[in-house]
Each structure stands twice: as structure tokens, then as C-alpha cells.
Amino acid sequence: MNNQEYFASHTDWAEEISDIDQLLLNDAQTSGGLLIAVPESEAAQLLATLKTNHSDAAIVGRITEKGTGRVKVEK
């Protein structure tokens, strides 16, 4: 079973997310160290610190409410 198959039951994809983008977002070669979750009040400082150390870090989303254990991917 590959990553995309494994996570399919835990992921809601927006209709405009292409099959290629879904494949890239599930690619094991690109997922190592991909996400860090911190309180929103600390995000700007962490981002600045990471960029100071030559990282291509970016804020890519936020947790808006307690969820069901599913990932919602939107464009």
C-alpha cells in the first residue's frame, strides 16, 4: 500500500486539487520534516528564526477547530 492509498480514508481533497498535486503531497520523498505545529502566537517568531537559518519555511495552514482526525486540503 502506498501513502496515498493509506491516507485516503483520512483526507478530504478540494475538487480543484489535481491528481498530480495529490501525488506530490503524498510522496514519501517530500514528506520528511514537512510540518511543524505551534500556537499561532508563536508562529511568526518561529518562521523568522527558521528563515534566519536559511530555511524555505512558510506558514501553510492553521488548525481552526478540534477536528475528527481528518486532513482537509484546499487550494
N, C-alpha and C. Protein backbone atom coordinates (compact mmCIF):
# COMPACT_ATOMS: atom_id res chain seq x y z
N MET A 1 0.85 -1.17 0.00
CA MET A 1 0.00 0.00 0.00
C MET A 1 0.90 1.24 0.00
N ASN A 2 0.59 2.22 -0.85
CA ASN A 2 1.38 3.44 -0.88
C ASN A 2 0.76 4.51 0.03
N ASN A 3 1.47 5.63 0.20
CA ASN A 3 0.99 6.69 1.11
C ASN A 3 -0.39 7.20 0.72
N GLN A 4 -0.61 7.42 -0.56
CA GLN A 4 -1.89 7.98 -0.99
C GLN A 4 -3.04 7.03 -0.65
N GLU A 5 -2.84 5.75 -0.86
CA GLU A 5 -3.86 4.77 -0.51
C GLU A 5 -4.08 4.72 1.00
N TYR A 6 -2.98 4.76 1.76
CA TYR A 6 -3.05 4.66 3.21
C TYR A 6 -3.82 5.83 3.82
N PHE A 7 -3.55 7.05 3.34
CA PHE A 7 -4.16 8.24 3.92
C PHE A 7 -5.49 8.63 3.28
N ALA A 8 -5.93 7.92 2.27
CA ALA A 8 -7.16 8.28 1.56
C ALA A 8 -8.36 8.37 2.49
N SER A 9 -8.45 7.49 3.46
CA SER A 9 -9.61 7.50 4.35
C SER A 9 -9.51 8.59 5.42
N HIS A 10 -8.39 9.32 5.44
CA HIS A 10 -8.18 10.39 6.42
C HIS A 10 -8.07 11.77 5.78
N THR A 11 -8.28 11.84 4.46
CA THR A 11 -8.03 13.08 3.74
C THR A 11 -9.24 13.49 2.90
N ASP A 12 -9.59 14.78 3.00
CA ASP A 12 -10.63 15.36 2.14
C ASP A 12 -9.94 16.33 1.19
N TRP A 13 -9.98 16.05 -0.09
CA TRP A 13 -9.33 16.89 -1.10
C TRP A 13 -10.35 17.83 -1.73
N ALA A 14 -10.00 19.11 -1.84
CA ALA A 14 -10.84 20.04 -2.58
C ALA A 14 -10.84 19.61 -4.04
N GLU A 15 -11.95 19.84 -4.73
CA GLU A 15 -12.07 19.40 -6.12
C GLU A 15 -10.99 19.96 -7.03
N GLU A 16 -10.51 21.18 -6.74
CA GLU A 16 -9.52 21.80 -7.62
C GLU A 16 -8.09 21.31 -7.39
N ILE A 17 -7.87 20.40 -6.42
CA ILE A 17 -6.55 19.83 -6.22
C ILE A 17 -6.36 18.72 -7.25
N SER A 18 -5.41 18.92 -8.14
CA SER A 18 -5.21 17.97 -9.25
C SER A 18 -4.65 16.64 -8.74
N ASP A 19 -4.78 15.62 -9.56
CA ASP A 19 -4.22 14.31 -9.22
C ASP A 19 -2.71 14.40 -9.03
N ILE A 20 -2.05 15.22 -9.86
CA ILE A 20 -0.59 15.39 -9.74
C ILE A 20 -0.25 16.02 -8.39
N ASP A 21 -0.98 17.08 -7.99
CA ASP A 21 -0.72 17.72 -6.69
C ASP A 21 -0.98 16.74 -5.55
N GLN A 22 -2.02 15.93 -5.65
CA GLN A 22 -2.29 14.93 -4.62
C GLN A 22 -1.13 13.94 -4.52
N LEU A 23 -0.63 13.52 -5.67
CA LEU A 23 0.50 12.60 -5.69
C LEU A 23 1.73 13.22 -5.03
N LEU A 24 2.02 14.48 -5.37
CA LEU A 24 3.18 15.16 -4.78
C LEU A 24 3.03 15.33 -3.27
N LEU A 25 1.82 15.66 -2.81
CA LEU A 25 1.61 15.86 -1.38
C LEU A 25 1.66 14.55 -0.59
N ASN A 26 1.53 13.43 -1.27
CA ASN A 26 1.63 12.12 -0.62
C ASN A 26 2.97 11.44 -0.84
N ASP A 27 3.86 12.06 -1.58
CA ASP A 27 5.14 11.47 -1.93
C ASP A 27 6.05 11.36 -0.70
N ALA A 28 6.47 10.15 -0.37
CA ALA A 28 7.31 9.93 0.80
C ALA A 28 8.64 10.68 0.70
N GLN A 29 9.10 10.96 -0.49
CA GLN A 29 10.38 11.66 -0.66
C GLN A 29 10.29 13.13 -0.27
N THR A 30 9.08 13.69 -0.19
CA THR A 30 8.94 15.11 0.14
C THR A 30 8.32 15.33 1.52
N SER A 31 8.00 14.27 2.25
CA SER A 31 7.25 14.46 3.49
C SER A 31 8.10 14.55 4.75
N GLY A 32 9.37 14.25 4.70
CA GLY A 32 10.19 14.30 5.90
C GLY A 32 10.36 15.71 6.43
N GLY A 33 9.95 15.93 7.68
CA GLY A 33 10.12 17.24 8.29
C GLY A 33 9.27 18.33 7.68
N LEU A 34 8.19 17.96 7.06
CA LEU A 34 7.39 18.91 6.30
C LEU A 34 6.59 19.87 7.17
N LEU A 35 6.01 19.40 8.26
CA LEU A 35 5.12 20.25 9.05
C LEU A 35 5.59 20.39 10.50
N ILE A 36 5.40 21.59 11.03
CA ILE A 36 5.61 21.87 12.45
C ILE A 36 4.36 22.60 12.92
N ALA A 37 3.77 22.16 14.01
CA ALA A 37 2.59 22.84 14.55
C ALA A 37 2.98 23.56 15.84
N VAL A 38 2.66 24.85 15.91
CA VAL A 38 2.92 25.66 17.09
C VAL A 38 1.71 26.54 17.34
N PRO A 39 1.55 27.06 18.56
CA PRO A 39 0.46 28.01 18.80
C PRO A 39 0.61 29.20 17.84
N GLU A 40 -0.51 29.73 17.38
CA GLU A 40 -0.47 30.83 16.41
C GLU A 40 0.34 32.02 16.92
N SER A 41 0.30 32.25 18.23
CA SER A 41 1.04 33.38 18.81
C SER A 41 2.56 33.22 18.68
N GLU A 42 3.03 32.01 18.40
CA GLU A 42 4.47 31.75 18.27
C GLU A 42 4.91 31.55 16.82
N ALA A 43 3.97 31.53 15.90
CA ALA A 43 4.28 31.19 14.51
C ALA A 43 5.22 32.18 13.84
N ALA A 44 4.98 33.48 14.00
CA ALA A 44 5.80 34.48 13.33
C ALA A 44 7.25 34.41 13.80
N GLN A 45 7.46 34.25 15.10
CA GLN A 45 8.82 34.16 15.63
C GLN A 45 9.52 32.90 15.13
N LEU A 46 8.84 31.77 15.12
CA LEU A 46 9.44 30.54 14.61
C LEU A 46 9.79 30.69 13.15
N LEU A 47 8.90 31.25 12.37
CA LEU A 47 9.16 31.44 10.94
C LEU A 47 10.39 32.32 10.73
N ALA A 48 10.49 33.42 11.47
CA ALA A 48 11.65 34.31 11.36
C ALA A 48 12.94 33.57 11.72
N THR A 49 12.90 32.78 12.77
CA THR A 49 14.07 32.01 13.18
C THR A 49 14.48 31.00 12.12
N LEU A 50 13.52 30.30 11.57
CA LEU A 50 13.82 29.32 10.53
C LEU A 50 14.41 29.99 9.29
N LYS A 51 13.86 31.13 8.90
CA LYS A 51 14.37 31.84 7.72
C LYS A 51 15.77 32.40 7.97
N THR A 52 16.07 32.80 9.21
CA THR A 52 17.41 33.27 9.55
C THR A 52 18.43 32.17 9.33
N ASN A 53 18.00 30.95 9.51
CA ASN A 53 18.88 29.79 9.33
C ASN A 53 18.78 29.20 7.93
N HIS A 54 18.39 30.02 6.97
CA HIS A 54 18.36 29.67 5.54
C HIS A 54 17.36 28.56 5.21
N SER A 55 16.27 28.55 5.91
CA SER A 55 15.21 27.59 5.63
C SER A 55 14.20 28.21 4.66
N ASP A 56 13.57 27.39 3.87
CA ASP A 56 12.49 27.84 2.99
C ASP A 56 11.15 27.68 3.69
N ALA A 57 11.11 27.91 4.98
CA ALA A 57 9.91 27.72 5.78
C ALA A 57 8.80 28.69 5.36
N ALA A 58 7.57 28.24 5.55
CA ALA A 58 6.40 29.08 5.26
C ALA A 58 5.23 28.59 6.10
N ILE A 59 4.33 29.49 6.41
CA ILE A 59 3.09 29.10 7.08
C ILE A 59 2.15 28.60 5.98
N VAL A 60 1.70 27.37 6.12
CA VAL A 60 0.89 26.75 5.06
C VAL A 60 -0.55 26.47 5.49
N GLY A 61 -0.87 26.69 6.74
CA GLY A 61 -2.23 26.41 7.18
C GLY A 61 -2.37 26.68 8.66
N ARG A 62 -3.56 26.43 9.16
CA ARG A 62 -3.81 26.62 10.59
C ARG A 62 -4.87 25.63 11.03
N ILE A 63 -4.81 25.32 12.31
CA ILE A 63 -5.84 24.49 12.92
C ILE A 63 -6.92 25.44 13.40
N THR A 64 -8.12 25.27 12.91
CA THR A 64 -9.19 26.22 13.21
C THR A 64 -10.18 25.72 14.25
N GLU A 65 -10.22 24.42 14.45
CA GLU A 65 -11.13 23.85 15.44
C GLU A 65 -10.73 22.41 15.69
N LYS A 66 -11.20 21.87 16.80
CA LYS A 66 -10.95 20.46 17.06
C LYS A 66 -11.65 19.66 15.98
N GLY A 67 -10.91 18.77 15.40
CA GLY A 67 -11.44 18.03 14.26
C GLY A 67 -11.71 16.58 14.55
N THR A 68 -11.88 15.84 13.49
CA THR A 68 -12.22 14.43 13.57
C THR A 68 -11.05 13.52 13.24
N GLY A 69 -9.86 14.12 13.09
CA GLY A 69 -8.69 13.32 12.71
C GLY A 69 -8.54 13.23 11.22
N ARG A 70 -9.23 14.08 10.47
CA ARG A 70 -9.13 14.11 9.02
C ARG A 70 -8.34 15.34 8.60
N VAL A 71 -7.69 15.26 7.46
CA VAL A 71 -6.96 16.38 6.89
C VAL A 71 -7.77 16.92 5.71
N LYS A 72 -8.02 18.22 5.72
CA LYS A 72 -8.75 18.87 4.64
C LYS A 72 -7.74 19.69 3.83
N VAL A 73 -7.57 19.35 2.55
CA VAL A 73 -6.62 20.03 1.69
C VAL A 73 -7.38 20.94 0.73
N GLU A 74 -7.09 22.24 0.84
CA GLU A 74 -7.74 23.24 -0.01
C GLU A 74 -6.69 24.01 -0.77
N LYS A 75 -7.11 24.64 -1.84
CA LYS A 75 -6.19 25.45 -2.62
C LYS A 75 -6.31 26.89 -2.24
